[in-house]
Amino acid sequence: MAAFLLGAVLLIVQPQIVPSRPAINSNAETSSQSVQRELLKKTSQKNDFKENIHSNGSCQQLPQTIIIGVRKGGTRALLEMLSLHPDIAAAESEVHFFDWEDHYRNGLQWYINQMPFSYPHQITVEKTPAYFTSPKVPERVYNMNQSMRLLLILRDPSERVLSDYTQVFYNHMQKHKPYPSIEQFLIKNGELNVDYKAINRSLYYIHMQNWLKYFPLDHIHIVDGDKLIKDPFPEIEKVERFLKLSPQINASNFYFNKTKGFYCLRDSGRERCLHESKGRAHPQVGARLLQKLQEYFHEPNKKFFELVGRTFDWH
């Protein structure tokens, strides 16, 4: 373990020469770069790392895989399904290390402390959906580990927008706070409000371009979130192969819950479903407005398909 952590330190402090990556502007150091320099300074000291080793031989370590997004794409479902594999150790909560400045300033030791205890043969995974759309995150992940295996789960952009709104709407309802209708967010001066944050999060090609500046496409596995909902097993099989895991998850690990309307998990005879907040009904949207939303995403989707060399069954 000490050798692994020392290797992580050396990986960070050594200058990286990557001709295929765009050069970073050296003029006027930004606040983000200042924070990163402080992080590197912290992690350059060997004694900054403290090994948290359990008596059973497990320990906390940096993740080898991160589920980077997308928000309301099915990241929790993906993590729960992947956790069926005995060689996966998953962080329970979203860590927000690379996108929240207060967390990032704490350094890699803090990040390690948020990870689950795992055995040497296991892959540690964390998921934070906001990573995908945060401009500063790809470079930060790259500086930590250039060989990181990334999982990205996407769904129909229009559906993702509606799901995004639904989550915020219910959060307000639970706090007994009023919240505007979705039409008030989607329409501005009689036209589609393209400044609505939920729409921006669904412009996948923009965010994907940022990640491809630092990681080759074969280091990013895209999970089809729509297919994961309808038939999860084939999608999880692909994830197993991407992570070079032995095929341990099988079709019997999934069963369709007619009451909830989606697939639940079965593990060693124990059955469990996702939290009740998952799978909520979307708000009713007029056919014309929905058509406007789908038409808006037509060209961005086309650009994304060209970027990743793959198509998806989106409207």
C-alpha atoms as a PDB file:
ATOM      1  CA  MET A   1       0.000   0.000   0.000  1.00  0.00           C
ATOM      2  CA  ALA A   2       2.831   2.393   0.866  1.00  0.00           C
ATOM      3  CA  ALA A   3       4.336   1.746  -2.559  1.00  0.00           C
ATOM      4  CA  PHE A   4       1.008   2.498  -4.226  1.00  0.00           C
ATOM      5  CA  LEU A   5       0.567   5.781  -2.399  1.00  0.00           C
ATOM      6  CA  LEU A   6       4.150   6.814  -3.092  1.00  0.00           C
ATOM      7  CA  GLY A   7       3.502   6.044  -6.752  1.00  0.00           C
ATOM      8  CA  ALA A   8       0.420   8.276  -6.666  1.00  0.00           C
ATOM      9  CA  VAL A   9       2.522  11.066  -5.205  1.00  0.00           C
ATOM     10  CA  LEU A  10       5.214  10.683  -7.842  1.00  0.00           C
ATOM     11  CA  LEU A  11       2.597  10.658 -10.569  1.00  0.00           C
ATOM     12  CA  ILE A  12       1.295  14.002  -9.379  1.00  0.00           C
ATOM     13  CA  VAL A  13       4.538  15.836  -8.792  1.00  0.00           C
ATOM     14  CA  GLN A  14       6.319  14.757 -11.970  1.00  0.00           C
ATOM     15  CA  PRO A  15       5.750  17.120 -14.911  1.00  0.00           C
ATOM     16  CA  GLN A  16       3.610  15.549 -17.609  1.00  0.00           C
ATOM     17  CA  ILE A  17       4.563  15.905 -21.287  1.00  0.00           C
ATOM     18  CA  VAL A  18       1.508  15.211 -23.374  1.00  0.00           C
ATOM     19  CA  PRO A  19       1.990  16.537 -26.916  1.00  0.00           C
ATOM     20  CA  SER A  20      -1.556  15.662 -27.986  1.00  0.00           C
ATOM     21  CA  ARG A  21      -3.107  17.777 -25.210  1.00  0.00           C
ATOM     22  CA  PRO A  22      -3.714  21.508 -25.711  1.00  0.00           C
ATOM     23  CA  ALA A  23      -1.172  23.737 -24.003  1.00  0.00           C
ATOM     24  CA  ILE A  24      -2.449  25.532 -20.914  1.00  0.00           C
ATOM     25  CA  ASN A  25      -2.180  29.304 -21.051  1.00  0.00           C
ATOM     26  CA  SER A  26       0.643  30.354 -18.720  1.00  0.00           C
ATOM     27  CA  ASN A  27      -0.410  34.010 -18.641  1.00  0.00           C
ATOM     28  CA  ALA A  28      -1.975  35.351 -15.442  1.00  0.00           C
ATOM     29  CA  GLU A  29      -2.318  32.331 -13.209  1.00  0.00           C
ATOM     30  CA  THR A  30      -5.973  31.695 -12.388  1.00  0.00           C
ATOM     31  CA  SER A  31      -7.396  31.009  -8.964  1.00  0.00           C
ATOM     32  CA  SER A  32      -8.069  27.430 -10.063  1.00  0.00           C
ATOM     33  CA  GLN A  33      -4.394  26.964 -10.874  1.00  0.00           C
ATOM     34  CA  SER A  34      -3.459  28.432  -7.491  1.00  0.00           C
ATOM     35  CA  VAL A  35      -5.652  25.897  -5.741  1.00  0.00           C
ATOM     36  CA  GLN A  36      -4.142  23.103  -7.824  1.00  0.00           C
ATOM     37  CA  ARG A  37      -0.597  24.214  -7.014  1.00  0.00           C
ATOM     38  CA  GLU A  38      -1.447  24.124  -3.308  1.00  0.00           C
ATOM     39  CA  LEU A  39      -2.845  20.617  -3.739  1.00  0.00           C
ATOM     40  CA  LEU A  40       0.326  19.444  -5.449  1.00  0.00           C
ATOM     41  CA  LYS A  41       2.390  21.051  -2.714  1.00  0.00           C
ATOM     42  CA  LYS A  42       0.425  19.148  -0.083  1.00  0.00           C
ATOM     43  CA  THR A  43       0.669  15.816  -1.836  1.00  0.00           C
ATOM     44  CA  SER A  44       4.372  16.154  -2.611  1.00  0.00           C
ATOM     45  CA  GLN A  45       5.200  15.398   0.996  1.00  0.00           C
ATOM     46  CA  LYS A  46       5.326  11.683   1.639  1.00  0.00           C
ATOM     47  CA  ASN A  47       4.350  12.152   5.255  1.00  0.00           C
ATOM     48  CA  ASP A  48       1.091  13.839   4.217  1.00  0.00           C
ATOM     49  CA  PHE A  49      -0.364  10.376   3.510  1.00  0.00           C
ATOM     50  CA  LYS A  50      -1.558   8.309   6.428  1.00  0.00           C
ATOM     51  CA  GLU A  51      -2.519   4.739   5.689  1.00  0.00           C
ATOM     52  CA  ASN A  52      -5.858   3.732   7.123  1.00  0.00           C
ATOM     53  CA  ILE A  53      -5.439  -0.015   7.290  1.00  0.00           C
ATOM     54  CA  HIS A  54      -8.019  -2.305   8.821  1.00  0.00           C
ATOM     55  CA  SER A  55      -7.043  -5.364  10.812  1.00  0.00           C
ATOM     56  CA  ASN A  56      -8.603  -7.572   8.103  1.00  0.00           C
ATOM     57  CA  GLY A  57      -6.124  -6.282   5.508  1.00  0.00           C
ATOM     58  CA  SER A  58      -8.401  -3.798   3.771  1.00  0.00           C
ATOM     59  CA  CYS A  59      -7.487  -0.129   3.418  1.00  0.00           C
ATOM     60  CA  GLN A  60      -8.661   3.153   1.981  1.00  0.00           C
ATOM     61  CA  GLN A  61      -7.181   4.077  -1.376  1.00  0.00           C
ATOM     62  CA  LEU A  62      -7.662   6.480  -4.258  1.00  0.00           C
ATOM     63  CA  PRO A  63     -10.394   5.362  -6.676  1.00  0.00           C
ATOM     64  CA  GLN A  64      -9.358   3.620  -9.873  1.00  0.00           C
ATOM     65  CA  THR A  65     -12.746   4.383 -11.438  1.00  0.00           C
ATOM     66  CA  ILE A  66     -15.014   7.414 -11.202  1.00  0.00           C
ATOM     67  CA  ILE A  67     -18.620   7.725 -12.361  1.00  0.00           C
ATOM     68  CA  ILE A  68     -18.421  11.292 -13.640  1.00  0.00           C
ATOM     69  CA  GLY A  69     -22.077  11.843 -14.571  1.00  0.00           C
ATOM     70  CA  VAL A  70     -24.402  12.864 -15.887  1.00  0.00           C
ATOM     71  CA  ARG A  71     -26.837  14.353 -13.364  1.00  0.00           C
ATOM     72  CA  LYS A  72     -30.201  12.551 -13.551  1.00  0.00           C
ATOM     73  CA  GLY A  73     -28.715  10.115 -16.019  1.00  0.00           C
ATOM     74  CA  GLY A  74     -28.928   7.100 -13.716  1.00  0.00           C
ATOM     75  CA  THR A  75     -25.656   7.345 -11.788  1.00  0.00           C
ATOM     76  CA  ARG A  76     -27.111   5.945  -8.555  1.00  0.00           C
ATOM     77  CA  ALA A  77     -28.674   3.002 -10.378  1.00  0.00           C
ATOM     78  CA  LEU A  78     -25.361   2.332 -12.140  1.00  0.00           C
ATOM     79  CA  LEU A  79     -23.410   2.430  -8.878  1.00  0.00           C
ATOM     80  CA  GLU A  80     -25.867   0.131  -7.077  1.00  0.00           C
ATOM     81  CA  MET A  81     -25.828  -2.367  -9.945  1.00  0.00           C
ATOM     82  CA  LEU A  82     -22.059  -2.294 -10.236  1.00  0.00           C
ATOM     83  CA  SER A  83     -21.792  -2.862  -6.475  1.00  0.00           C
ATOM     84  CA  LEU A  84     -23.275  -6.329  -7.021  1.00  0.00           C
ATOM     85  CA  HIS A  85     -19.801  -7.338  -8.179  1.00  0.00           C
ATOM     86  CA  PRO A  86     -17.613  -8.655  -5.332  1.00  0.00           C
ATOM     87  CA  ASP A  87     -14.550  -6.889  -6.730  1.00  0.00           C
ATOM     88  CA  ILE A  88     -16.125  -3.438  -6.451  1.00  0.00           C
ATOM     89  CA  ALA A  89     -15.891  -1.207  -3.374  1.00  0.00           C
ATOM     90  CA  ALA A  90     -18.066   1.878  -3.802  1.00  0.00           C
ATOM     91  CA  ALA A  91     -18.161   5.146  -1.884  1.00  0.00           C
ATOM     92  CA  GLU A  92     -21.683   5.608  -0.554  1.00  0.00           C
ATOM     93  CA  SER A  93     -21.981   9.387  -0.882  1.00  0.00           C
ATOM     94  CA  GLU A  94     -21.146  11.825  -3.646  1.00  0.00           C
ATOM     95  CA  VAL A  95     -17.722  13.157  -2.690  1.00  0.00           C
ATOM     96  CA  HIS A  96     -17.543  16.358  -4.788  1.00  0.00           C
ATOM     97  CA  PHE A  97     -13.774  16.491  -4.378  1.00  0.00           C
ATOM     98  CA  PHE A  98     -12.803  17.818  -7.797  1.00  0.00           C
ATOM     99  CA  ASP A  99     -15.644  20.332  -8.269  1.00  0.00           C
ATOM    100  CA  TRP A 100     -16.009  21.882  -4.785  1.00  0.00           C
ATOM    101  CA  GLU A 101     -13.135  24.211  -3.912  1.00  0.00           C
ATOM    102  CA  ASP A 102     -13.484  23.707  -0.153  1.00  0.00           C
ATOM    103  CA  HIS A 103     -13.041  19.960  -0.641  1.00  0.00           C
ATOM    104  CA  TYR A 104     -10.280  20.216  -3.238  1.00  0.00           C
ATOM    105  CA  ARG A 105      -8.167  22.427  -0.985  1.00  0.00           C
ATOM    106  CA  ASN A 106      -8.104  19.616   1.577  1.00  0.00           C
ATOM    107  CA  GLY A 107      -5.794  17.587  -0.657  1.00  0.00           C
ATOM    108  CA  LEU A 108      -5.665  13.931  -1.662  1.00  0.00           C
ATOM    109  CA  GLN A 109      -5.387  12.649   1.895  1.00  0.00           C
ATOM    110  CA  TRP A 110      -8.866  14.012   2.585  1.00  0.00           C
ATOM    111  CA  TYR A 111     -10.092  12.412  -0.652  1.00  0.00           C
ATOM    112  CA  ILE A 112      -8.668   9.037   0.364  1.00  0.00           C
ATOM    113  CA  ASN A 113     -10.384   9.341   3.736  1.00  0.00           C
ATOM    114  CA  GLN A 114     -13.765   9.529   1.966  1.00  0.00           C
ATOM    115  CA  MET A 115     -13.222   6.205   0.237  1.00  0.00           C
ATOM    116  CA  PRO A 116     -14.511   2.835   1.475  1.00  0.00           C
ATOM    117  CA  PHE A 117     -12.148   0.228   2.862  1.00  0.00           C
ATOM    118  CA  SER A 118     -11.242  -2.192   0.089  1.00  0.00           C
ATOM    119  CA  TYR A 119      -9.016  -5.198  -0.472  1.00  0.00           C
ATOM    120  CA  PRO A 120      -6.049  -5.141  -2.883  1.00  0.00           C
ATOM    121  CA  HIS A 121      -7.968  -7.065  -5.558  1.00  0.00           C
ATOM    122  CA  GLN A 122     -10.929  -4.668  -5.490  1.00  0.00           C
ATOM    123  CA  ILE A 123     -11.603  -1.571  -7.590  1.00  0.00           C
ATOM    124  CA  THR A 124     -12.585   1.500  -5.595  1.00  0.00           C
ATOM    125  CA  VAL A 125     -15.328   3.574  -7.245  1.00  0.00           C
ATOM    126  CA  GLU A 126     -16.805   6.952  -6.429  1.00  0.00           C
ATOM    127  CA  LYS A 127     -19.544   8.812  -8.245  1.00  0.00           C
ATOM    128  CA  THR A 128     -20.250  12.523  -8.436  1.00  0.00           C
ATOM    129  CA  PRO A 129     -22.563  13.434 -11.358  1.00  0.00           C
ATOM    130  CA  ALA A 130     -21.553  17.109 -11.305  1.00  0.00           C
ATOM    131  CA  TYR A 131     -18.027  16.203 -12.456  1.00  0.00           C
ATOM    132  CA  PHE A 132     -19.069  15.811 -16.109  1.00  0.00           C
ATOM    133  CA  THR A 133     -20.306  19.382 -16.529  1.00  0.00           C
ATOM    134  CA  SER A 134     -17.687  21.107 -14.353  1.00  0.00           C
ATOM    135  CA  PRO A 135     -14.988  22.660 -16.614  1.00  0.00           C
ATOM    136  CA  LYS A 136     -12.167  22.365 -14.061  1.00  0.00           C
ATOM    137  CA  VAL A 137     -12.660  18.686 -13.197  1.00  0.00           C
ATOM    138  CA  PRO A 138     -11.088  16.836 -16.183  1.00  0.00           C
ATOM    139  CA  GLU A 139      -7.673  18.445 -15.683  1.00  0.00           C
ATOM    140  CA  ARG A 140      -7.768  17.811 -11.948  1.00  0.00           C
ATOM    141  CA  VAL A 141      -8.621  14.134 -12.381  1.00  0.00           C
ATOM    142  CA  TYR A 142      -5.924  13.845 -15.039  1.00  0.00           C
ATOM    143  CA  ASN A 143      -3.306  15.333 -12.709  1.00  0.00           C
ATOM    144  CA  MET A 144      -4.211  12.770 -10.079  1.00  0.00           C
ATOM    145  CA  ASN A 145      -4.268   9.725 -12.366  1.00  0.00           C
ATOM    146  CA  GLN A 146      -3.784   9.765 -16.130  1.00  0.00           C
ATOM    147  CA  SER A 147      -4.900   6.122 -16.324  1.00  0.00           C
ATOM    148  CA  MET A 148      -8.255   6.683 -14.623  1.00  0.00           C
ATOM    149  CA  ARG A 149     -11.146   4.632 -16.027  1.00  0.00           C
ATOM    150  CA  LEU A 150     -14.216   6.848 -16.304  1.00  0.00           C
ATOM    151  CA  LEU A 151     -17.879   5.874 -16.460  1.00  0.00           C
ATOM    152  CA  LEU A 152     -20.390   8.247 -18.012  1.00  0.00           C
ATOM    153  CA  ILE A 153     -24.091   7.400 -18.110  1.00  0.00           C
ATOM    154  CA  LEU A 154     -26.308   9.411 -20.449  1.00  0.00           C
ATOM    155  CA  ARG A 155     -29.973   9.431 -21.372  1.00  0.00           C
ATOM    156  CA  ASP A 156     -32.181  11.252 -23.855  1.00  0.00           C
ATOM    157  CA  PRO A 157     -31.291  14.950 -23.311  1.00  0.00           C
ATOM    158  CA  SER A 158     -34.931  16.088 -23.323  1.00  0.00           C
ATOM    159  CA  GLU A 159     -35.901  13.480 -20.756  1.00  0.00           C
ATOM    160  CA  ARG A 160     -32.882  14.416 -18.662  1.00  0.00           C
ATOM    161  CA  VAL A 161     -34.045  18.063 -18.579  1.00  0.00           C
ATOM    162  CA  LEU A 162     -37.482  17.020 -17.331  1.00  0.00           C
ATOM    163  CA  SER A 163     -35.937  14.738 -14.728  1.00  0.00           C
ATOM    164  CA  ASP A 164     -33.600  17.531 -13.616  1.00  0.00           C
ATOM    165  CA  TYR A 165     -36.562  19.833 -13.041  1.00  0.00           C
ATOM    166  CA  THR A 166     -38.521  17.086 -11.264  1.00  0.00           C
ATOM    167  CA  GLN A 167     -35.776  16.536  -8.699  1.00  0.00           C
ATOM    168  CA  VAL A 168     -35.537  20.226  -7.803  1.00  0.00           C
ATOM    169  CA  PHE A 169     -39.344  20.529  -7.746  1.00  0.00           C
ATOM    170  CA  TYR A 170     -39.753  17.698  -5.225  1.00  0.00           C
ATOM    171  CA  ASN A 171     -36.899  19.045  -3.098  1.00  0.00           C
ATOM    172  CA  HIS A 172     -38.824  22.301  -2.763  1.00  0.00           C
ATOM    173  CA  MET A 173     -42.122  20.524  -2.100  1.00  0.00           C
ATOM    174  CA  GLN A 174     -40.566  18.536   0.758  1.00  0.00           C
ATOM    175  CA  LYS A 175     -39.497  21.823   2.348  1.00  0.00           C
ATOM    176  CA  HIS A 176     -42.975  23.283   1.724  1.00  0.00           C
ATOM    177  CA  LYS A 177     -41.519  25.881  -0.587  1.00  0.00           C
ATOM    178  CA  PRO A 178     -43.273  26.980  -3.781  1.00  0.00           C
ATOM    179  CA  TYR A 179     -41.563  26.328  -7.090  1.00  0.00           C
ATOM    180  CA  PRO A 180     -42.371  27.642 -10.570  1.00  0.00           C
ATOM    181  CA  SER A 181     -43.831  25.378 -13.252  1.00  0.00           C
ATOM    182  CA  ILE A 182     -41.438  23.880 -15.765  1.00  0.00           C
ATOM    183  CA  GLU A 183     -42.928  26.070 -18.506  1.00  0.00           C
ATOM    184  CA  GLN A 184     -41.673  29.142 -16.635  1.00  0.00           C
ATOM    185  CA  PHE A 185     -38.136  27.782 -16.897  1.00  0.00           C
ATOM    186  CA  LEU A 186     -38.341  26.480 -20.447  1.00  0.00           C
ATOM    187  CA  ILE A 187     -39.989  29.501 -22.045  1.00  0.00           C
ATOM    188  CA  LYS A 188     -38.591  33.038 -22.105  1.00  0.00           C
ATOM    189  CA  ASN A 189     -40.103  35.798 -24.238  1.00  0.00           C
ATOM    190  CA  GLY A 190     -42.063  33.211 -26.155  1.00  0.00           C
ATOM    191  CA  GLU A 191     -38.983  31.174 -27.088  1.00  0.00           C
ATOM    192  CA  LEU A 192     -37.119  28.230 -25.602  1.00  0.00           C
ATOM    193  CA  ASN A 193     -34.960  29.485 -22.730  1.00  0.00           C
ATOM    194  CA  VAL A 194     -31.569  28.079 -23.734  1.00  0.00           C
ATOM    195  CA  ASP A 195     -29.989  29.718 -20.670  1.00  0.00           C
ATOM    196  CA  TYR A 196     -31.841  27.314 -18.369  1.00  0.00           C
ATOM    197  CA  LYS A 197     -29.121  25.340 -16.545  1.00  0.00           C
ATOM    198  CA  ALA A 198     -30.913  22.032 -17.030  1.00  0.00           C
ATOM    199  CA  ILE A 199     -30.716  22.512 -20.798  1.00  0.00           C
ATOM    200  CA  ASN A 200     -27.016  23.353 -20.657  1.00  0.00           C
ATOM    201  CA  ARG A 201     -26.319  20.145 -18.724  1.00  0.00           C
ATOM    202  CA  SER A 202     -27.841  18.182 -21.605  1.00  0.00           C
ATOM    203  CA  LEU A 203     -25.470  19.650 -24.217  1.00  0.00           C
ATOM    204  CA  TYR A 204     -23.292  16.577 -23.924  1.00  0.00           C
ATOM    205  CA  TYR A 205     -20.897  17.316 -26.763  1.00  0.00           C
ATOM    206  CA  ILE A 206     -19.674  20.549 -25.109  1.00  0.00           C
ATOM    207  CA  HIS A 207     -18.774  18.821 -21.872  1.00  0.00           C
ATOM    208  CA  MET A 208     -17.399  15.738 -23.607  1.00  0.00           C
ATOM    209  CA  GLN A 209     -14.970  17.885 -25.601  1.00  0.00           C
ATOM    210  CA  ASN A 210     -13.492  19.101 -22.334  1.00  0.00           C
ATOM    211  CA  TRP A 211     -12.918  15.550 -21.072  1.00  0.00           C
ATOM    212  CA  LEU A 212     -11.361  14.438 -24.352  1.00  0.00           C
ATOM    213  CA  LYS A 213      -8.684  17.110 -23.965  1.00  0.00           C
ATOM    214  CA  TYR A 214      -7.240  14.998 -21.163  1.00  0.00           C
ATOM    215  CA  PHE A 215      -8.487  11.432 -21.570  1.00  0.00           C
ATOM    216  CA  PRO A 216      -8.642   9.278 -24.703  1.00  0.00           C
ATOM    217  CA  LEU A 217     -12.071   7.985 -25.661  1.00  0.00           C
ATOM    218  CA  ASP A 218     -11.131   4.418 -24.758  1.00  0.00           C
ATOM    219  CA  HIS A 219     -10.769   5.534 -21.115  1.00  0.00           C
ATOM    220  CA  ILE A 220     -14.379   6.751 -21.012  1.00  0.00           C
ATOM    221  CA  HIS A 221     -17.137   4.164 -21.158  1.00  0.00           C
ATOM    222  CA  ILE A 222     -20.568   5.582 -21.998  1.00  0.00           C
ATOM    223  CA  VAL A 223     -23.481   3.713 -20.466  1.00  0.00           C
ATOM    224  CA  ASP A 224     -26.831   4.065 -22.238  1.00  0.00           C
ATOM    225  CA  GLY A 225     -29.056   5.212 -19.376  1.00  0.00           C
ATOM    226  CA  ASP A 226     -32.282   4.600 -21.285  1.00  0.00           C
ATOM    227  CA  LYS A 227     -31.297   0.991 -21.969  1.00  0.00           C
ATOM    228  CA  LEU A 228     -30.113   0.536 -18.382  1.00  0.00           C
ATOM    229  CA  ILE A 229     -33.652   1.324 -17.225  1.00  0.00           C
ATOM    230  CA  LYS A 230     -35.347  -0.997 -19.722  1.00  0.00           C
ATOM    231  CA  ASP A 231     -32.899  -3.902 -19.637  1.00  0.00           C
ATOM    232  CA  PRO A 232     -30.016  -3.415 -17.182  1.00  0.00           C
ATOM    233  CA  PHE A 233     -28.075  -6.664 -17.542  1.00  0.00           C
ATOM    234  CA  PRO A 234     -26.542  -6.106 -21.038  1.00  0.00           C
ATOM    235  CA  GLU A 235     -25.366  -2.621 -20.041  1.00  0.00           C
ATOM    236  CA  ILE A 236     -23.750  -3.893 -16.843  1.00  0.00           C
ATOM    237  CA  GLU A 237     -22.019  -6.661 -18.809  1.00  0.00           C
ATOM    238  CA  LYS A 238     -20.357  -3.973 -20.933  1.00  0.00           C
ATOM    239  CA  VAL A 239     -19.220  -2.125 -17.796  1.00  0.00           C
ATOM    240  CA  GLU A 240     -17.688  -5.332 -16.422  1.00  0.00           C
ATOM    241  CA  ARG A 241     -15.688  -5.774 -19.631  1.00  0.00           C
ATOM    242  CA  PHE A 242     -14.575  -2.137 -19.640  1.00  0.00           C
ATOM    243  CA  LEU A 243     -13.276  -2.427 -16.075  1.00  0.00           C
ATOM    244  CA  LYS A 244     -11.699  -5.821 -16.851  1.00  0.00           C
ATOM    245  CA  LEU A 245     -13.783  -7.487 -14.152  1.00  0.00           C
ATOM    246  CA  SER A 246     -14.573 -11.187 -14.181  1.00  0.00           C
ATOM    247  CA  PRO A 247     -18.217 -11.781 -15.237  1.00  0.00           C
ATOM    248  CA  GLN A 248     -19.901 -12.110 -11.857  1.00  0.00           C
ATOM    249  CA  ILE A 249     -23.162 -10.179 -12.336  1.00  0.00           C
ATOM    250  CA  ASN A 250     -25.893 -12.099 -14.166  1.00  0.00           C
ATOM    251  CA  ALA A 251     -29.502 -11.668 -15.291  1.00  0.00           C
ATOM    252  CA  SER A 252     -30.853 -13.260 -12.095  1.00  0.00           C
ATOM    253  CA  ASN A 253     -29.530 -10.258 -10.146  1.00  0.00           C
ATOM    254  CA  PHE A 254     -32.307  -8.133 -11.677  1.00  0.00           C
ATOM    255  CA  TYR A 255     -36.071  -8.399 -11.413  1.00  0.00           C
ATOM    256  CA  PHE A 256     -38.814  -6.067 -12.602  1.00  0.00           C
ATOM    257  CA  ASN A 257     -40.885  -4.540  -9.819  1.00  0.00           C
ATOM    258  CA  LYS A 258     -44.358  -3.914 -11.274  1.00  0.00           C
ATOM    259  CA  THR A 259     -45.354  -1.668  -8.382  1.00  0.00           C
ATOM    260  CA  LYS A 260     -42.400   0.685  -8.806  1.00  0.00           C
ATOM    261  CA  GLY A 261     -42.252   0.304 -12.568  1.00  0.00           C
ATOM    262  CA  PHE A 262     -38.504  -0.333 -12.814  1.00  0.00           C
ATOM    263  CA  TYR A 263     -35.893  -3.005 -12.182  1.00  0.00           C
ATOM    264  CA  CYS A 264     -34.711  -3.818  -8.672  1.00  0.00           C
ATOM    265  CA  LEU A 265     -31.737  -5.851  -7.472  1.00  0.00           C
ATOM    266  CA  ARG A 266     -31.417  -9.319  -6.007  1.00  0.00           C
ATOM    267  CA  ASP A 267     -28.168 -10.231  -4.258  1.00  0.00           C
ATOM    268  CA  SER A 268     -27.657 -13.491  -2.332  1.00  0.00           C
ATOM    269  CA  GLY A 269     -31.382 -13.821  -1.842  1.00  0.00           C
ATOM    270  CA  ARG A 270     -31.763 -10.251  -0.605  1.00  0.00           C
ATOM    271  CA  GLU A 271     -33.918  -7.930  -2.681  1.00  0.00           C
ATOM    272  CA  ARG A 272     -33.586  -4.150  -2.758  1.00  0.00           C
ATOM    273  CA  CYS A 273     -34.823  -1.274  -4.879  1.00  0.00           C
ATOM    274  CA  LEU A 274     -33.576   2.235  -5.421  1.00  0.00           C
ATOM    275  CA  HIS A 275     -34.818   5.003  -3.150  1.00  0.00           C
ATOM    276  CA  GLU A 276     -38.394   6.145  -3.642  1.00  0.00           C
ATOM    277  CA  SER A 277     -37.068   9.431  -5.033  1.00  0.00           C
ATOM    278  CA  LYS A 278     -35.950   7.530  -8.124  1.00  0.00           C
ATOM    279  CA  GLY A 279     -38.325   6.986 -11.012  1.00  0.00           C
ATOM    280  CA  ARG A 280     -40.658   9.878 -10.169  1.00  0.00           C
ATOM    281  CA  ALA A 281     -43.187  10.863 -12.806  1.00  0.00           C
ATOM    282  CA  HIS A 282     -42.138  13.838 -14.906  1.00  0.00           C
ATOM    283  CA  PRO A 283     -44.347  16.930 -15.152  1.00  0.00           C
ATOM    284  CA  GLN A 284     -46.832  17.111 -17.991  1.00  0.00           C
ATOM    285  CA  VAL A 285     -45.399  19.190 -20.821  1.00  0.00           C
ATOM    286  CA  GLY A 286     -47.354  20.353 -23.824  1.00  0.00           C
ATOM    287  CA  ALA A 287     -46.624  18.536 -27.082  1.00  0.00           C
ATOM    288  CA  ARG A 288     -45.477  21.713 -28.830  1.00  0.00           C
ATOM    289  CA  LEU A 289     -43.067  22.661 -26.048  1.00  0.00           C
ATOM    290  CA  LEU A 290     -41.663  19.134 -25.911  1.00  0.00           C
ATOM    291  CA  GLN A 291     -41.173  19.238 -29.672  1.00  0.00           C
ATOM    292  CA  LYS A 292     -39.280  22.537 -29.352  1.00  0.00           C
ATOM    293  CA  LEU A 293     -37.009  20.969 -26.756  1.00  0.00           C
ATOM    294  CA  GLN A 294     -36.328  17.923 -28.913  1.00  0.00           C
ATOM    295  CA  GLU A 295     -35.673  20.049 -32.003  1.00  0.00           C
ATOM    296  CA  TYR A 296     -33.195  22.176 -30.063  1.00  0.00           C
ATOM    297  CA  PHE A 297     -31.166  19.103 -29.117  1.00  0.00           C
ATOM    298  CA  HIS A 298     -31.114  17.650 -32.637  1.00  0.00           C
ATOM    299  CA  GLU A 299     -27.885  19.326 -33.789  1.00  0.00           C
ATOM    300  CA  PRO A 300     -26.046  19.057 -30.432  1.00  0.00           C
ATOM    301  CA  ASN A 301     -26.894  15.347 -30.334  1.00  0.00           C
ATOM    302  CA  LYS A 302     -25.570  14.910 -33.849  1.00  0.00           C
ATOM    303  CA  LYS A 303     -22.292  16.582 -32.847  1.00  0.00           C
ATOM    304  CA  PHE A 304     -22.038  14.307 -29.826  1.00  0.00           C
ATOM    305  CA  PHE A 305     -22.602  11.175 -31.924  1.00  0.00           C
ATOM    306  CA  GLU A 306     -19.814  12.257 -34.280  1.00  0.00           C
ATOM    307  CA  LEU A 307     -17.526  13.025 -31.347  1.00  0.00           C
ATOM    308  CA  VAL A 308     -17.857   9.597 -29.732  1.00  0.00           C
ATOM    309  CA  GLY A 309     -18.399   7.547 -32.916  1.00  0.00           C
ATOM    310  CA  ARG A 310     -21.665   6.133 -31.646  1.00  0.00           C
ATOM    311  CA  THR A 311     -25.386   6.859 -31.897  1.00  0.00           C
ATOM    312  CA  PHE A 312     -28.135   6.673 -29.302  1.00  0.00           C
ATOM    313  CA  ASP A 313     -31.887   6.263 -29.693  1.00  0.00           C
ATOM    314  CA  TRP A 314     -32.783   9.790 -28.644  1.00  0.00           C
ATOM    315  CA  HIS A 315     -35.580  11.925 -30.043  1.00  0.00           C
END
